[in-house]
Amino acid sequence: QVQLVESGGGLVRTGGSLRLSCAASGRTFSNYPMGWFRQAPGKEREVVATINWSGTVTYYADSVKGRFTISRDAAKNTLYLQMNGLKPEDTAVYYCNIGIRGSDYWGQGTQVTVSS
């Protein structure tokens, strides 16, 4: 059974940094793309960043480009999101995602709150 567990969220001031982690278990994830999504109150879930299976190709939403960095450690089966220059509009629940053979798997989410 695939399990994703996010951690690293919290309360930070504008301009601060956080590093999110997503620990994956249940199988080997190194062959599949992974991503971070977020959902703010009253808004739909949106993609933040994605990374391919080898970690060589990344995608960032325009709103986070230049501030966030996605990475993965295959040996640890862990996905990361380094978030710098945080803004109040980054406040949301952040979710880890992996797509395996047409099925999407999600973690429980971790809350990020940025105060102005």
C-alpha atoms as a PDB file:
ATOM      1  CA  GLN A   1       0.000   0.000   0.000  1.00  0.00           C
ATOM      2  CA  VAL A   2       1.325   3.399  -0.996  1.00  0.00           C
ATOM      3  CA  GLN A   3       1.726   5.851   1.854  1.00  0.00           C
ATOM      4  CA  LEU A   4       2.899   9.466   1.694  1.00  0.00           C
ATOM      5  CA  VAL A   5       3.577  11.443   4.862  1.00  0.00           C
ATOM      6  CA  GLU A   6       4.322  15.164   4.699  1.00  0.00           C
ATOM      7  CA  SER A   7       6.115  17.150   7.379  1.00  0.00           C
ATOM      8  CA  GLY A   8       7.855  20.475   7.842  1.00  0.00           C
ATOM      9  CA  GLY A   9       4.945  22.874   7.719  1.00  0.00           C
ATOM     10  CA  GLY A  10       4.420  25.626  10.255  1.00  0.00           C
ATOM     11  CA  LEU A  11       3.991  29.317  10.911  1.00  0.00           C
ATOM     12  CA  VAL A  12       6.548  31.693   9.446  1.00  0.00           C
ATOM     13  CA  ARG A  13       6.789  35.419   8.789  1.00  0.00           C
ATOM     14  CA  THR A  14       6.860  36.992   5.365  1.00  0.00           C
ATOM     15  CA  GLY A  15      10.246  36.438   3.785  1.00  0.00           C
ATOM     16  CA  GLY A  16      10.959  33.356   5.849  1.00  0.00           C
ATOM     17  CA  SER A  17      11.784  29.827   4.756  1.00  0.00           C
ATOM     18  CA  LEU A  18      10.465  26.333   5.312  1.00  0.00           C
ATOM     19  CA  ARG A  19      11.478  22.933   4.007  1.00  0.00           C
ATOM     20  CA  LEU A  20       8.742  20.398   3.432  1.00  0.00           C
ATOM     21  CA  SER A  21       9.450  16.687   3.300  1.00  0.00           C
ATOM     22  CA  CYS A  22       7.343  13.833   1.973  1.00  0.00           C
ATOM     23  CA  ALA A  23       8.338  10.356   3.079  1.00  0.00           C
ATOM     24  CA  ALA A  24       7.060   7.634   0.773  1.00  0.00           C
ATOM     25  CA  SER A  25       6.606   3.998   1.713  1.00  0.00           C
ATOM     26  CA  GLY A  26       4.966   0.897   0.374  1.00  0.00           C
ATOM     27  CA  ARG A  27       6.993   0.473  -2.761  1.00  0.00           C
ATOM     28  CA  THR A  28       9.879   1.924  -4.731  1.00  0.00           C
ATOM     29  CA  PHE A  29       9.040   5.386  -6.025  1.00  0.00           C
ATOM     30  CA  SER A  30      12.139   6.166  -7.979  1.00  0.00           C
ATOM     31  CA  ASN A  31      10.495   5.333 -11.316  1.00  0.00           C
ATOM     32  CA  TYR A  32       7.636   7.800 -11.027  1.00  0.00           C
ATOM     33  CA  PRO A  33       7.185  11.562 -11.161  1.00  0.00           C
ATOM     34  CA  MET A  34       6.164  13.308  -7.986  1.00  0.00           C
ATOM     35  CA  GLY A  35       4.852  16.716  -7.103  1.00  0.00           C
ATOM     36  CA  TRP A  36       3.723  19.227  -4.534  1.00  0.00           C
ATOM     37  CA  PHE A  37       0.258  20.751  -4.610  1.00  0.00           C
ATOM     38  CA  ARG A  38      -1.443  23.217  -2.305  1.00  0.00           C
ATOM     39  CA  GLN A  39      -4.944  24.232  -1.382  1.00  0.00           C
ATOM     40  CA  ALA A  40      -5.821  27.528   0.237  1.00  0.00           C
ATOM     41  CA  PRO A  41      -9.139  28.082   2.040  1.00  0.00           C
ATOM     42  CA  GLY A  42     -11.950  28.526  -0.454  1.00  0.00           C
ATOM     43  CA  LYS A  43      -9.732  27.718  -3.432  1.00  0.00           C
ATOM     44  CA  GLU A  44      -9.123  24.678  -5.560  1.00  0.00           C
ATOM     45  CA  ARG A  45      -6.025  22.547  -5.187  1.00  0.00           C
ATOM     46  CA  GLU A  46      -3.243  23.763  -7.470  1.00  0.00           C
ATOM     47  CA  VAL A  47       0.085  22.423  -8.584  1.00  0.00           C
ATOM     48  CA  VAL A  48       3.143  24.028  -7.014  1.00  0.00           C
ATOM     49  CA  ALA A  49       6.026  22.018  -8.451  1.00  0.00           C
ATOM     50  CA  THR A  50       6.719  18.653 -10.054  1.00  0.00           C
ATOM     51  CA  ILE A  51       9.809  16.557 -10.650  1.00  0.00           C
ATOM     52  CA  ASN A  52      10.432  13.648 -12.983  1.00  0.00           C
ATOM     53  CA  TRP A  53      11.564  10.198 -11.944  1.00  0.00           C
ATOM     54  CA  SER A  54      15.276  10.979 -12.222  1.00  0.00           C
ATOM     55  CA  GLY A  55      15.128  14.437 -10.712  1.00  0.00           C
ATOM     56  CA  THR A  56      16.461  16.029 -13.880  1.00  0.00           C
ATOM     57  CA  VAL A  57      13.288  17.771 -15.057  1.00  0.00           C
ATOM     58  CA  THR A  58      11.291  20.132 -12.867  1.00  0.00           C
ATOM     59  CA  TYR A  59       8.256  22.340 -13.287  1.00  0.00           C
ATOM     60  CA  TYR A  60       7.204  25.291 -11.153  1.00  0.00           C
ATOM     61  CA  ALA A  61       4.051  27.330 -11.040  1.00  0.00           C
ATOM     62  CA  ASP A  62       4.743  30.926 -12.022  1.00  0.00           C
ATOM     63  CA  SER A  63       3.757  32.078  -8.560  1.00  0.00           C
ATOM     64  CA  VAL A  64       6.630  30.191  -6.903  1.00  0.00           C
ATOM     65  CA  LYS A  65       9.280  30.232  -9.618  1.00  0.00           C
ATOM     66  CA  GLY A  66      12.596  31.476  -8.290  1.00  0.00           C
ATOM     67  CA  ARG A  67      11.543  31.028  -4.655  1.00  0.00           C
ATOM     68  CA  PHE A  68      10.764  27.309  -4.309  1.00  0.00           C
ATOM     69  CA  THR A  69      12.950  24.320  -5.160  1.00  0.00           C
ATOM     70  CA  ILE A  70      11.708  20.754  -5.519  1.00  0.00           C
ATOM     71  CA  SER A  71      14.068  17.819  -5.129  1.00  0.00           C
ATOM     72  CA  ARG A  72      14.020  14.112  -4.359  1.00  0.00           C
ATOM     73  CA  ASP A  73      16.281  11.605  -2.688  1.00  0.00           C
ATOM     74  CA  ALA A  74      15.707   8.201  -4.250  1.00  0.00           C
ATOM     75  CA  ALA A  75      17.729   6.368  -1.622  1.00  0.00           C
ATOM     76  CA  LYS A  76      15.508   7.793   1.114  1.00  0.00           C
ATOM     77  CA  ASN A  77      12.271   7.626  -0.898  1.00  0.00           C
ATOM     78  CA  THR A  78      11.737  11.248   0.075  1.00  0.00           C
ATOM     79  CA  LEU A  79      10.505  14.309  -1.776  1.00  0.00           C
ATOM     80  CA  TYR A  80      11.410  17.825  -0.654  1.00  0.00           C
ATOM     81  CA  LEU A  81      10.199  21.362  -1.226  1.00  0.00           C
ATOM     82  CA  GLN A  82      12.509  24.166  -0.151  1.00  0.00           C
ATOM     83  CA  MET A  83      10.457  27.336   0.164  1.00  0.00           C
ATOM     84  CA  ASN A  84      12.245  30.682   0.438  1.00  0.00           C
ATOM     85  CA  GLY A  85      10.903  34.209   0.344  1.00  0.00           C
ATOM     86  CA  LEU A  86       7.529  33.090   1.623  1.00  0.00           C
ATOM     87  CA  LYS A  87       4.552  35.380   1.134  1.00  0.00           C
ATOM     88  CA  PRO A  88       1.123  35.474   2.808  1.00  0.00           C
ATOM     89  CA  GLU A  89      -0.402  34.177  -0.421  1.00  0.00           C
ATOM     90  CA  ASP A  90       1.625  30.974   0.011  1.00  0.00           C
ATOM     91  CA  THR A  91      -0.544  30.117   3.006  1.00  0.00           C
ATOM     92  CA  ALA A  92      -2.207  26.767   2.291  1.00  0.00           C
ATOM     93  CA  VAL A  93      -2.212  23.087   3.050  1.00  0.00           C
ATOM     94  CA  TYR A  94       0.570  21.487   1.037  1.00  0.00           C
ATOM     95  CA  TYR A  95       0.146  17.986  -0.344  1.00  0.00           C
ATOM     96  CA  CYS A  96       2.602  15.502  -1.760  1.00  0.00           C
ATOM     97  CA  ASN A  97       1.506  13.530  -4.817  1.00  0.00           C
ATOM     98  CA  ILE A  98       2.699  10.610  -6.870  1.00  0.00           C
ATOM     99  CA  GLY A  99       1.112   9.162  -9.974  1.00  0.00           C
ATOM    100  CA  ILE A 100       1.554   5.426 -10.482  1.00  0.00           C
ATOM    101  CA  ARG A 101       0.058   3.745 -13.536  1.00  0.00           C
ATOM    102  CA  GLY A 102      -2.933   6.047 -13.771  1.00  0.00           C
ATOM    103  CA  SER A 103      -3.620   6.258 -10.052  1.00  0.00           C
ATOM    104  CA  ASP A 104      -2.979   9.335  -7.939  1.00  0.00           C
ATOM    105  CA  TYR A 105      -1.811   9.019  -4.351  1.00  0.00           C
ATOM    106  CA  TRP A 106      -1.858  11.860  -1.820  1.00  0.00           C
ATOM    107  CA  GLY A 107      -0.483  12.537   1.610  1.00  0.00           C
ATOM    108  CA  GLN A 108      -2.556  13.991   4.434  1.00  0.00           C
ATOM    109  CA  GLY A 109      -1.115  17.453   3.923  1.00  0.00           C
ATOM    110  CA  THR A 110       0.894  19.859   6.040  1.00  0.00           C
ATOM    111  CA  GLN A 111      -0.228  23.381   6.912  1.00  0.00           C
ATOM    112  CA  VAL A 112       1.930  26.339   5.921  1.00  0.00           C
ATOM    113  CA  THR A 113       0.920  29.718   7.310  1.00  0.00           C
ATOM    114  CA  VAL A 114       2.769  32.898   6.385  1.00  0.00           C
ATOM    115  CA  SER A 115       2.051  35.952   8.496  1.00  0.00           C
ATOM    116  CA  SER A 116       2.385  39.465   7.154  1.00  0.00           C
END
